[in-house]
Amino acid sequence: MDINNSAIFNLESKMKELRLERDMYKKQVVFYKSLFKTHRNSVVYNLTIKKRKNKKVWIDPINDHREKLLELDMDDDVEEWLRPVRYER
């Protein structure tokens, strides 16, 4: 009887682990699908994933406005995008 209880416990813990993994993959799918809602007019090649308040967001550094870039968590890429472009003749 004790062997059955341990087997059931192992199965339940495995099921819990698989549910957590499934939920994680569902969140990823929803996030990747969201790019078609948030950036319909952008080229997918230009999009990057950055974080705003530790939450993933899609950013198009070419088409998104400066205000949107300022809201992002700072990293090297964001700092470079915010630097003024120097024009040459």
PDB file of N, CA and C in Angstrom:
ATOM      1  N   MET A   1       0.826  -1.193   0.000  1.00  0.00           N
ATOM      2  CA  MET A   1       0.000   0.000   0.000  1.00  0.00           C
ATOM      3  C   MET A   1       0.863   1.246   0.000  1.00  0.00           C
ATOM      4  N   ASP A   2       1.983   1.197   0.698  1.00  0.00           N
ATOM      5  CA  ASP A   2       2.867   2.351   0.770  1.00  0.00           C
ATOM      6  C   ASP A   2       3.492   2.654  -0.593  1.00  0.00           C
ATOM      7  N   ILE A   3       3.751   1.624  -1.371  1.00  0.00           N
ATOM      8  CA  ILE A   3       4.319   1.801  -2.712  1.00  0.00           C
ATOM      9  C   ILE A   3       3.323   2.534  -3.606  1.00  0.00           C
ATOM     10  N   ASN A   4       2.035   2.205  -3.502  1.00  0.00           N
ATOM     11  CA  ASN A   4       1.015   2.884  -4.287  1.00  0.00           C
ATOM     12  C   ASN A   4       0.931   4.365  -3.931  1.00  0.00           C
ATOM     13  N   ASN A   5       0.996   4.691  -2.659  1.00  0.00           N
ATOM     14  CA  ASN A   5       0.942   6.092  -2.234  1.00  0.00           C
ATOM     15  C   ASN A   5       2.122   6.889  -2.773  1.00  0.00           C
ATOM     16  N   SER A   6       3.305   6.291  -2.746  1.00  0.00           N
ATOM     17  CA  SER A   6       4.470   7.006  -3.267  1.00  0.00           C
ATOM     18  C   SER A   6       4.381   7.152  -4.781  1.00  0.00           C
ATOM     19  N   ALA A   7       3.841   6.150  -5.462  1.00  0.00           N
ATOM     20  CA  ALA A   7       3.674   6.233  -6.915  1.00  0.00           C
ATOM     21  C   ALA A   7       2.661   7.319  -7.257  1.00  0.00           C
ATOM     22  N   ILE A   8       1.572   7.375  -6.512  1.00  0.00           N
ATOM     23  CA  ILE A   8       0.553   8.412  -6.738  1.00  0.00           C
ATOM     24  C   ILE A   8       1.141   9.795  -6.464  1.00  0.00           C
ATOM     25  N   PHE A   9       1.921   9.917  -5.390  1.00  0.00           N
ATOM     26  CA  PHE A   9       2.552  11.196  -5.072  1.00  0.00           C
ATOM     27  C   PHE A   9       3.503  11.625  -6.183  1.00  0.00           C
ATOM     28  N   ASN A  10       4.280  10.675  -6.715  1.00  0.00           N
ATOM     29  CA  ASN A  10       5.200  10.983  -7.815  1.00  0.00           C
ATOM     30  C   ASN A  10       4.438  11.432  -9.057  1.00  0.00           C
ATOM     31  N   LEU A  11       3.329  10.747  -9.363  1.00  0.00           N
ATOM     32  CA  LEU A  11       2.523  11.123 -10.521  1.00  0.00           C
ATOM     33  C   LEU A  11       1.900  12.501 -10.342  1.00  0.00           C
ATOM     34  N   GLU A  12       1.419  12.780  -9.140  1.00  0.00           N
ATOM     35  CA  GLU A  12       0.810  14.093  -8.883  1.00  0.00           C
ATOM     36  C   GLU A  12       1.842  15.210  -8.989  1.00  0.00           C
ATOM     37  N   SER A  13       3.034  14.967  -8.461  1.00  0.00           N
ATOM     38  CA  SER A  13       4.072  16.004  -8.549  1.00  0.00           C
ATOM     39  C   SER A  13       4.509  16.208 -10.002  1.00  0.00           C
ATOM     40  N   LYS A  14       4.565  15.121 -10.773  1.00  0.00           N
ATOM     41  CA  LYS A  14       4.916  15.235 -12.193  1.00  0.00           C
ATOM     42  C   LYS A  14       3.832  16.000 -12.947  1.00  0.00           C
ATOM     43  N   MET A  15       2.574  15.738 -12.628  1.00  0.00           N
ATOM     44  CA  MET A  15       1.463  16.452 -13.271  1.00  0.00           C
ATOM     45  C   MET A  15       1.521  17.945 -12.941  1.00  0.00           C
ATOM     46  N   LYS A  16       1.836  18.272 -11.703  1.00  0.00           N
ATOM     47  CA  LYS A  16       1.944  19.674 -11.300  1.00  0.00           C
ATOM     48  C   LYS A  16       3.068  20.358 -12.073  1.00  0.00           C
ATOM     49  N   GLU A  17       4.187  19.673 -12.194  1.00  0.00           N
ATOM     50  CA  GLU A  17       5.324  20.204 -12.938  1.00  0.00           C
ATOM     51  C   GLU A  17       4.959  20.419 -14.415  1.00  0.00           C
ATOM     52  N   LEU A  18       4.261  19.460 -15.001  1.00  0.00           N
ATOM     53  CA  LEU A  18       3.860  19.580 -16.403  1.00  0.00           C
ATOM     54  C   LEU A  18       2.845  20.704 -16.609  1.00  0.00           C
ATOM     55  N   ARG A  19       1.955  20.912 -15.660  1.00  0.00           N
ATOM     56  CA  ARG A  19       0.997  22.027 -15.759  1.00  0.00           C
ATOM     57  C   ARG A  19       1.711  23.371 -15.727  1.00  0.00           C
ATOM     58  N   LEU A  20       2.704  23.504 -14.853  1.00  0.00           N
ATOM     59  CA  LEU A  20       3.479  24.744 -14.784  1.00  0.00           C
ATOM     60  C   LEU A  20       4.225  24.985 -16.096  1.00  0.00           C
ATOM     61  N   GLU A  21       4.787  23.932 -16.648  1.00  0.00           N
ATOM     62  CA  GLU A  21       5.493  24.046 -17.927  1.00  0.00           C
ATOM     63  C   GLU A  21       4.528  24.432 -19.049  1.00  0.00           C
ATOM     64  N   ARG A  22       3.358  23.835 -19.057  1.00  0.00           N
ATOM     65  CA  ARG A  22       2.337  24.153 -20.064  1.00  0.00           C
ATOM     66  C   ARG A  22       1.916  25.612 -19.963  1.00  0.00           C
ATOM     67  N   ASP A  23       1.710  26.091 -18.744  1.00  0.00           N
ATOM     68  CA  ASP A  23       1.319  27.491 -18.542  1.00  0.00           C
ATOM     69  C   ASP A  23       2.410  28.442 -19.028  1.00  0.00           C
ATOM     70  N   MET A  24       3.661  28.075 -18.792  1.00  0.00           N
ATOM     71  CA  MET A  24       4.770  28.900 -19.258  1.00  0.00           C
ATOM     72  C   MET A  24       4.757  28.980 -20.788  1.00  0.00           C
ATOM     73  N   TYR A  25       4.551  27.844 -21.459  1.00  0.00           N
ATOM     74  CA  TYR A  25       4.515  27.834 -22.929  1.00  0.00           C
ATOM     75  C   TYR A  25       3.302  28.585 -23.466  1.00  0.00           C
ATOM     76  N   LYS A  26       2.185  28.512 -22.780  1.00  0.00           N
ATOM     77  CA  LYS A  26       1.002  29.271 -23.202  1.00  0.00           C
ATOM     78  C   LYS A  26       1.284  30.770 -23.152  1.00  0.00           C
ATOM     79  N   LYS A  27       1.947  31.225 -22.087  1.00  0.00           N
ATOM     80  CA  LYS A  27       2.293  32.643 -21.976  1.00  0.00           C
ATOM     81  C   LYS A  27       3.224  33.067 -23.105  1.00  0.00           C
ATOM     82  N   GLN A  28       4.180  32.205 -23.451  1.00  0.00           N
ATOM     83  CA  GLN A  28       5.090  32.526 -24.545  1.00  0.00           C
ATOM     84  C   GLN A  28       4.346  32.636 -25.871  1.00  0.00           C
ATOM     85  N   VAL A  29       3.420  31.721 -26.124  1.00  0.00           N
ATOM     86  CA  VAL A  29       2.654  31.755 -27.369  1.00  0.00           C
ATOM     87  C   VAL A  29       1.813  33.024 -27.441  1.00  0.00           C
ATOM     88  N   VAL A  30       1.168  33.380 -26.350  1.00  0.00           N
ATOM     89  CA  VAL A  30       0.361  34.606 -26.319  1.00  0.00           C
ATOM     90  C   VAL A  30       1.248  35.816 -26.582  1.00  0.00           C
ATOM     91  N   PHE A  31       2.433  35.845 -25.996  1.00  0.00           N
ATOM     92  CA  PHE A  31       3.342  36.964 -26.204  1.00  0.00           C
ATOM     93  C   PHE A  31       3.765  37.053 -27.672  1.00  0.00           C
ATOM     94  N   TYR A  32       4.153  35.945 -28.273  1.00  0.00           N
ATOM     95  CA  TYR A  32       4.586  35.970 -29.668  1.00  0.00           C
ATOM     96  C   TYR A  32       3.438  36.315 -30.614  1.00  0.00           C
ATOM     97  N   LYS A  33       2.244  35.902 -30.298  1.00  0.00           N
ATOM     98  CA  LYS A  33       1.088  36.278 -31.113  1.00  0.00           C
ATOM     99  C   LYS A  33       0.779  37.770 -30.997  1.00  0.00           C
ATOM    100  N   SER A  34       1.136  38.359 -29.870  1.00  0.00           N
ATOM    101  CA  SER A  34       0.809  39.764 -29.639  1.00  0.00           C
ATOM    102  C   SER A  34       1.546  40.705 -30.590  1.00  0.00           C
ATOM    103  N   LEU A  35       2.634  40.273 -31.186  1.00  0.00           N
ATOM    104  CA  LEU A  35       3.357  41.165 -32.088  1.00  0.00           C
ATOM    105  C   LEU A  35       2.507  41.552 -33.285  1.00  0.00           C
ATOM    106  N   PHE A  36       1.573  40.705 -33.689  1.00  0.00           N
ATOM    107  CA  PHE A  36       0.706  41.026 -34.822  1.00  0.00           C
ATOM    108  C   PHE A  36      -0.369  42.038 -34.432  1.00  0.00           C
ATOM    109  N   LYS A  37      -0.616  42.200 -33.147  1.00  0.00           N
ATOM    110  CA  LYS A  37      -1.577  43.200 -32.684  1.00  0.00           C
ATOM    111  C   LYS A  37      -0.896  44.534 -32.397  1.00  0.00           C
ATOM    112  N   THR A  38       0.303  44.480 -31.838  1.00  0.00           N
ATOM    113  CA  THR A  38       0.968  45.706 -31.422  1.00  0.00           C
ATOM    114  C   THR A  38       1.764  46.372 -32.536  1.00  0.00           C
ATOM    115  N   HIS A  39       2.286  45.597 -33.468  1.00  0.00           N
ATOM    116  CA  HIS A  39       3.148  46.154 -34.522  1.00  0.00           C
ATOM    117  C   HIS A  39       2.754  45.593 -35.889  1.00  0.00           C
ATOM    118  N   ARG A  40       1.546  45.865 -36.278  1.00  0.00           N
ATOM    119  CA  ARG A  40       1.071  45.340 -37.569  1.00  0.00           C
ATOM    120  C   ARG A  40       1.830  45.919 -38.748  1.00  0.00           C
ATOM    121  N   ASN A  41       2.285  47.161 -38.648  1.00  0.00           N
ATOM    122  CA  ASN A  41       2.934  47.819 -39.774  1.00  0.00           C
ATOM    123  C   ASN A  41       4.459  47.741 -39.722  1.00  0.00           C
ATOM    124  N   SER A  42       4.987  46.960 -38.833  1.00  0.00           N
ATOM    125  CA  SER A  42       6.440  46.834 -38.705  1.00  0.00           C
ATOM    126  C   SER A  42       6.927  45.571 -39.391  1.00  0.00           C
ATOM    127  N   VAL A  43       8.175  45.628 -39.803  1.00  0.00           N
ATOM    128  CA  VAL A  43       8.821  44.441 -40.344  1.00  0.00           C
ATOM    129  C   VAL A  43       9.285  43.601 -39.157  1.00  0.00           C
ATOM    130  N   VAL A  44       8.948  42.333 -39.181  1.00  0.00           N
ATOM    131  CA  VAL A  44       9.266  41.469 -38.039  1.00  0.00           C
ATOM    132  C   VAL A  44      10.772  41.443 -37.787  1.00  0.00           C
ATOM    133  N   TYR A  45      11.552  41.548 -38.828  1.00  0.00           N
ATOM    134  CA  TYR A  45      13.008  41.543 -38.689  1.00  0.00           C
ATOM    135  C   TYR A  45      13.486  42.695 -37.804  1.00  0.00           C
ATOM    136  N   ASN A  46      12.800  43.829 -37.822  1.00  0.00           N
ATOM    137  CA  ASN A  46      13.206  44.997 -37.035  1.00  0.00           C
ATOM    138  C   ASN A  46      12.788  44.914 -35.570  1.00  0.00           C
ATOM    139  N   LEU A  47      11.864  44.055 -35.249  1.00  0.00           N
ATOM    140  CA  LEU A  47      11.349  43.987 -33.880  1.00  0.00           C
ATOM    141  C   LEU A  47      12.338  43.305 -32.948  1.00  0.00           C
ATOM    142  N   THR A  48      12.379  43.821 -31.738  1.00  0.00           N
ATOM    143  CA  THR A  48      13.183  43.193 -30.694  1.00  0.00           C
ATOM    144  C   THR A  48      12.351  43.086 -29.427  1.00  0.00           C
ATOM    145  N   ILE A  49      12.754  42.189 -28.586  1.00  0.00           N
ATOM    146  CA  ILE A  49      12.075  41.999 -27.304  1.00  0.00           C
ATOM    147  C   ILE A  49      12.884  42.728 -26.242  1.00  0.00           C
ATOM    148  N   LYS A  50      12.229  43.659 -25.582  1.00  0.00           N
ATOM    149  CA  LYS A  50      12.838  44.395 -24.481  1.00  0.00           C
ATOM    150  C   LYS A  50      11.900  44.319 -23.288  1.00  0.00           C
ATOM    151  N   LYS A  51      12.319  44.887 -22.181  1.00  0.00           N
ATOM    152  CA  LYS A  51      11.490  44.837 -20.974  1.00  0.00           C
ATOM    153  C   LYS A  51      11.080  46.234 -20.543  1.00  0.00           C
ATOM    154  N   ARG A  52       9.825  46.314 -20.141  1.00  0.00           N
ATOM    155  CA  ARG A  52       9.276  47.521 -19.537  1.00  0.00           C
ATOM    156  C   ARG A  52       8.711  47.097 -18.192  1.00  0.00           C
ATOM    157  N   LYS A  53       9.305  47.628 -17.124  1.00  0.00           N
ATOM    158  CA  LYS A  53       8.936  47.242 -15.760  1.00  0.00           C
ATOM    159  C   LYS A  53       9.027  45.731 -15.570  1.00  0.00           C
ATOM    160  N   ASN A  54      10.099  45.158 -16.069  1.00  0.00           N
ATOM    161  CA  ASN A  54      10.387  43.722 -15.995  1.00  0.00           C
ATOM    162  C   ASN A  54       9.347  42.856 -16.685  1.00  0.00           C
ATOM    163  N   LYS A  55       8.661  43.397 -17.658  1.00  0.00           N
ATOM    164  CA  LYS A  55       7.695  42.633 -18.437  1.00  0.00           C
ATOM    165  C   LYS A  55       8.086  42.752 -19.906  1.00  0.00           C
ATOM    166  N   LYS A  56       8.087  41.631 -20.613  1.00  0.00           N
ATOM    167  CA  LYS A  56       8.500  41.623 -22.009  1.00  0.00           C
ATOM    168  C   LYS A  56       7.545  42.431 -22.888  1.00  0.00           C
ATOM    169  N   VAL A  57       8.131  43.197 -23.807  1.00  0.00           N
ATOM    170  CA  VAL A  57       7.354  43.946 -24.793  1.00  0.00           C
ATOM    171  C   VAL A  57       8.090  43.916 -26.124  1.00  0.00           C
ATOM    172  N   TRP A  58       7.335  44.089 -27.209  1.00  0.00           N
ATOM    173  CA  TRP A  58       7.910  44.200 -28.542  1.00  0.00           C
ATOM    174  C   TRP A  58       8.247  45.658 -28.806  1.00  0.00           C
ATOM    175  N   ILE A  59       9.413  45.885 -29.374  1.00  0.00           N
ATOM    176  CA  ILE A  59       9.840  47.239 -29.709  1.00  0.00           C
ATOM    177  C   ILE A  59      10.381  47.255 -31.134  1.00  0.00           C
ATOM    178  N   ASP A  60       9.982  48.283 -31.864  1.00  0.00           N
ATOM    179  CA  ASP A  60      10.536  48.537 -33.188  1.00  0.00           C
ATOM    180  C   ASP A  60      11.342  49.830 -33.076  1.00  0.00           C
ATOM    181  N   PRO A  61      12.661  49.738 -32.978  1.00  0.00           N
ATOM    182  CA  PRO A  61      13.462  50.943 -32.745  1.00  0.00           C
ATOM    183  C   PRO A  61      13.400  51.940 -33.899  1.00  0.00           C
ATOM    184  N   ILE A  62      12.980  51.500 -35.049  1.00  0.00           N
ATOM    185  CA  ILE A  62      12.904  52.395 -36.201  1.00  0.00           C
ATOM    186  C   ILE A  62      11.596  53.178 -36.211  1.00  0.00           C
ATOM    187  N   ASN A  63      10.484  52.519 -35.925  1.00  0.00           N
ATOM    188  CA  ASN A  63       9.178  53.156 -36.041  1.00  0.00           C
ATOM    189  C   ASN A  63       8.568  53.637 -34.731  1.00  0.00           C
ATOM    190  N   ASP A  64       8.986  53.092 -33.611  1.00  0.00           N
ATOM    191  CA  ASP A  64       8.401  53.508 -32.334  1.00  0.00           C
ATOM    192  C   ASP A  64       8.925  54.886 -31.938  1.00  0.00           C
ATOM    193  N   HIS A  65       8.083  55.628 -31.266  1.00  0.00           N
ATOM    194  CA  HIS A  65       8.432  56.986 -30.858  1.00  0.00           C
ATOM    195  C   HIS A  65       9.400  56.977 -29.680  1.00  0.00           C
ATOM    196  N   ARG A  66      10.070  58.089 -29.537  1.00  0.00           N
ATOM    197  CA  ARG A  66      11.053  58.248 -28.467  1.00  0.00           C
ATOM    198  C   ARG A  66      10.433  58.049 -27.086  1.00  0.00           C
ATOM    199  N   GLU A  67       9.204  58.514 -26.896  1.00  0.00           N
ATOM    200  CA  GLU A  67       8.529  58.367 -25.603  1.00  0.00           C
ATOM    201  C   GLU A  67       8.381  56.898 -25.220  1.00  0.00           C
ATOM    202  N   LYS A  68       8.098  56.084 -26.208  1.00  0.00           N
ATOM    203  CA  LYS A  68       7.947  54.654 -25.956  1.00  0.00           C
ATOM    204  C   LYS A  68       9.297  54.037 -25.571  1.00  0.00           C
ATOM    205  N   LEU A  69      10.353  54.510 -26.198  1.00  0.00           N
ATOM    206  CA  LEU A  69      11.689  54.007 -25.867  1.00  0.00           C
ATOM    207  C   LEU A  69      12.119  54.446 -24.467  1.00  0.00           C
ATOM    208  N   LEU A  70      11.709  55.620 -24.065  1.00  0.00           N
ATOM    209  CA  LEU A  70      12.075  56.117 -22.731  1.00  0.00           C
ATOM    210  C   LEU A  70      11.411  55.324 -21.606  1.00  0.00           C
ATOM    211  N   GLU A  71      10.303  54.685 -21.893  1.00  0.00           N
ATOM    212  CA  GLU A  71       9.598  53.893 -20.889  1.00  0.00           C
ATOM    213  C   GLU A  71      10.268  52.544 -20.621  1.00  0.00           C
ATOM    214  N   LEU A  72      11.174  52.131 -21.485  1.00  0.00           N
ATOM    215  CA  LEU A  72      11.801  50.813 -21.359  1.00  0.00           C
ATOM    216  C   LEU A  72      12.823  50.780 -20.237  1.00  0.00           C
ATOM    217  N   ASP A  73      13.089  49.567 -19.741  1.00  0.00           N
ATOM    218  CA  ASP A  73      14.192  49.368 -18.806  1.00  0.00           C
ATOM    219  C   ASP A  73      15.491  49.583 -19.586  1.00  0.00           C
ATOM    220  N   MET A  74      16.379  50.384 -19.039  1.00  0.00           N
ATOM    221  CA  MET A  74      17.586  50.768 -19.770  1.00  0.00           C
ATOM    222  C   MET A  74      18.573  49.608 -19.894  1.00  0.00           C
ATOM    223  N   ASP A  75      19.110  49.479 -21.088  1.00  0.00           N
ATOM    224  CA  ASP A  75      20.231  48.601 -21.356  1.00  0.00           C
ATOM    225  C   ASP A  75      21.052  49.247 -22.467  1.00  0.00           C
ATOM    226  N   ASP A  76      22.078  48.584 -22.949  1.00  0.00           N
ATOM    227  CA  ASP A  76      22.967  49.179 -23.940  1.00  0.00           C
ATOM    228  C   ASP A  76      22.242  49.534 -25.239  1.00  0.00           C
ATOM    229  N   ASP A  77      21.367  48.643 -25.700  1.00  0.00           N
ATOM    230  CA  ASP A  77      20.639  48.894 -26.947  1.00  0.00           C
ATOM    231  C   ASP A  77      19.737  50.117 -26.835  1.00  0.00           C
ATOM    232  N   VAL A  78      19.003  50.196 -25.763  1.00  0.00           N
ATOM    233  CA  VAL A  78      18.063  51.304 -25.576  1.00  0.00           C
ATOM    234  C   VAL A  78      18.824  52.625 -25.491  1.00  0.00           C
ATOM    235  N   GLU A  79      19.933  52.625 -24.786  1.00  0.00           N
ATOM    236  CA  GLU A  79      20.734  53.853 -24.697  1.00  0.00           C
ATOM    237  C   GLU A  79      21.233  54.284 -26.064  1.00  0.00           C
ATOM    238  N   GLU A  80      21.641  53.322 -26.875  1.00  0.00           N
ATOM    239  CA  GLU A  80      22.109  53.665 -28.222  1.00  0.00           C
ATOM    240  C   GLU A  80      20.970  54.196 -29.096  1.00  0.00           C
ATOM    241  N   TRP A  81      19.786  53.616 -28.975  1.00  0.00           N
ATOM    242  CA  TRP A  81      18.637  54.094 -29.763  1.00  0.00           C
ATOM    243  C   TRP A  81      18.265  55.518 -29.385  1.00  0.00           C
ATOM    244  N   LEU A  82      18.493  55.881 -28.143  1.00  0.00           N
ATOM    245  CA  LEU A  82      18.115  57.205 -27.672  1.00  0.00           C
ATOM    246  C   LEU A  82      19.152  58.288 -28.000  1.00  0.00           C
ATOM    247  N   ARG A  83      20.350  57.875 -28.362  1.00  0.00           N
ATOM    248  CA  ARG A  83      21.369  58.848 -28.725  1.00  0.00           C
ATOM    249  C   ARG A  83      20.975  59.550 -30.023  1.00  0.00           C
ATOM    250  N   PRO A  84      21.234  60.845 -30.108  1.00  0.00           N
ATOM    251  CA  PRO A  84      20.918  61.551 -31.354  1.00  0.00           C
ATOM    252  C   PRO A  84      21.795  61.047 -32.498  1.00  0.00           C
ATOM    253  N   VAL A  85      21.219  61.018 -33.673  1.00  0.00           N
ATOM    254  CA  VAL A  85      21.945  60.574 -34.852  1.00  0.00           C
ATOM    255  C   VAL A  85      22.744  61.748 -35.390  1.00  0.00           C
ATOM    256  N   ARG A  86      23.994  61.499 -35.654  1.00  0.00           N
ATOM    257  CA  ARG A  86      24.852  62.552 -36.187  1.00  0.00           C
ATOM    258  C   ARG A  86      24.825  62.474 -37.704  1.00  0.00           C
ATOM    259  N   TYR A  87      24.457  63.577 -38.307  1.00  0.00           N
ATOM    260  CA  TYR A  87      24.359  63.615 -39.761  1.00  0.00           C
ATOM    261  C   TYR A  87      25.693  64.030 -40.371  1.00  0.00           C
ATOM    262  N   GLU A  88      26.003  63.398 -41.475  1.00  0.00           N
ATOM    263  CA  GLU A  88      27.229  63.740 -42.178  1.00  0.00           C
ATOM    264  C   GLU A  88      26.885  64.252 -43.569  1.00  0.00           C
ATOM    265  N   ARG A  89      27.757  65.056 -44.105  1.00  0.00           N
ATOM    266  CA  ARG A  89      27.541  65.580 -45.452  1.00  0.00           C
ATOM    267  C   ARG A  89      28.254  64.782 -46.467  1.00  0.00           C
TER     268      ARG A  89
END
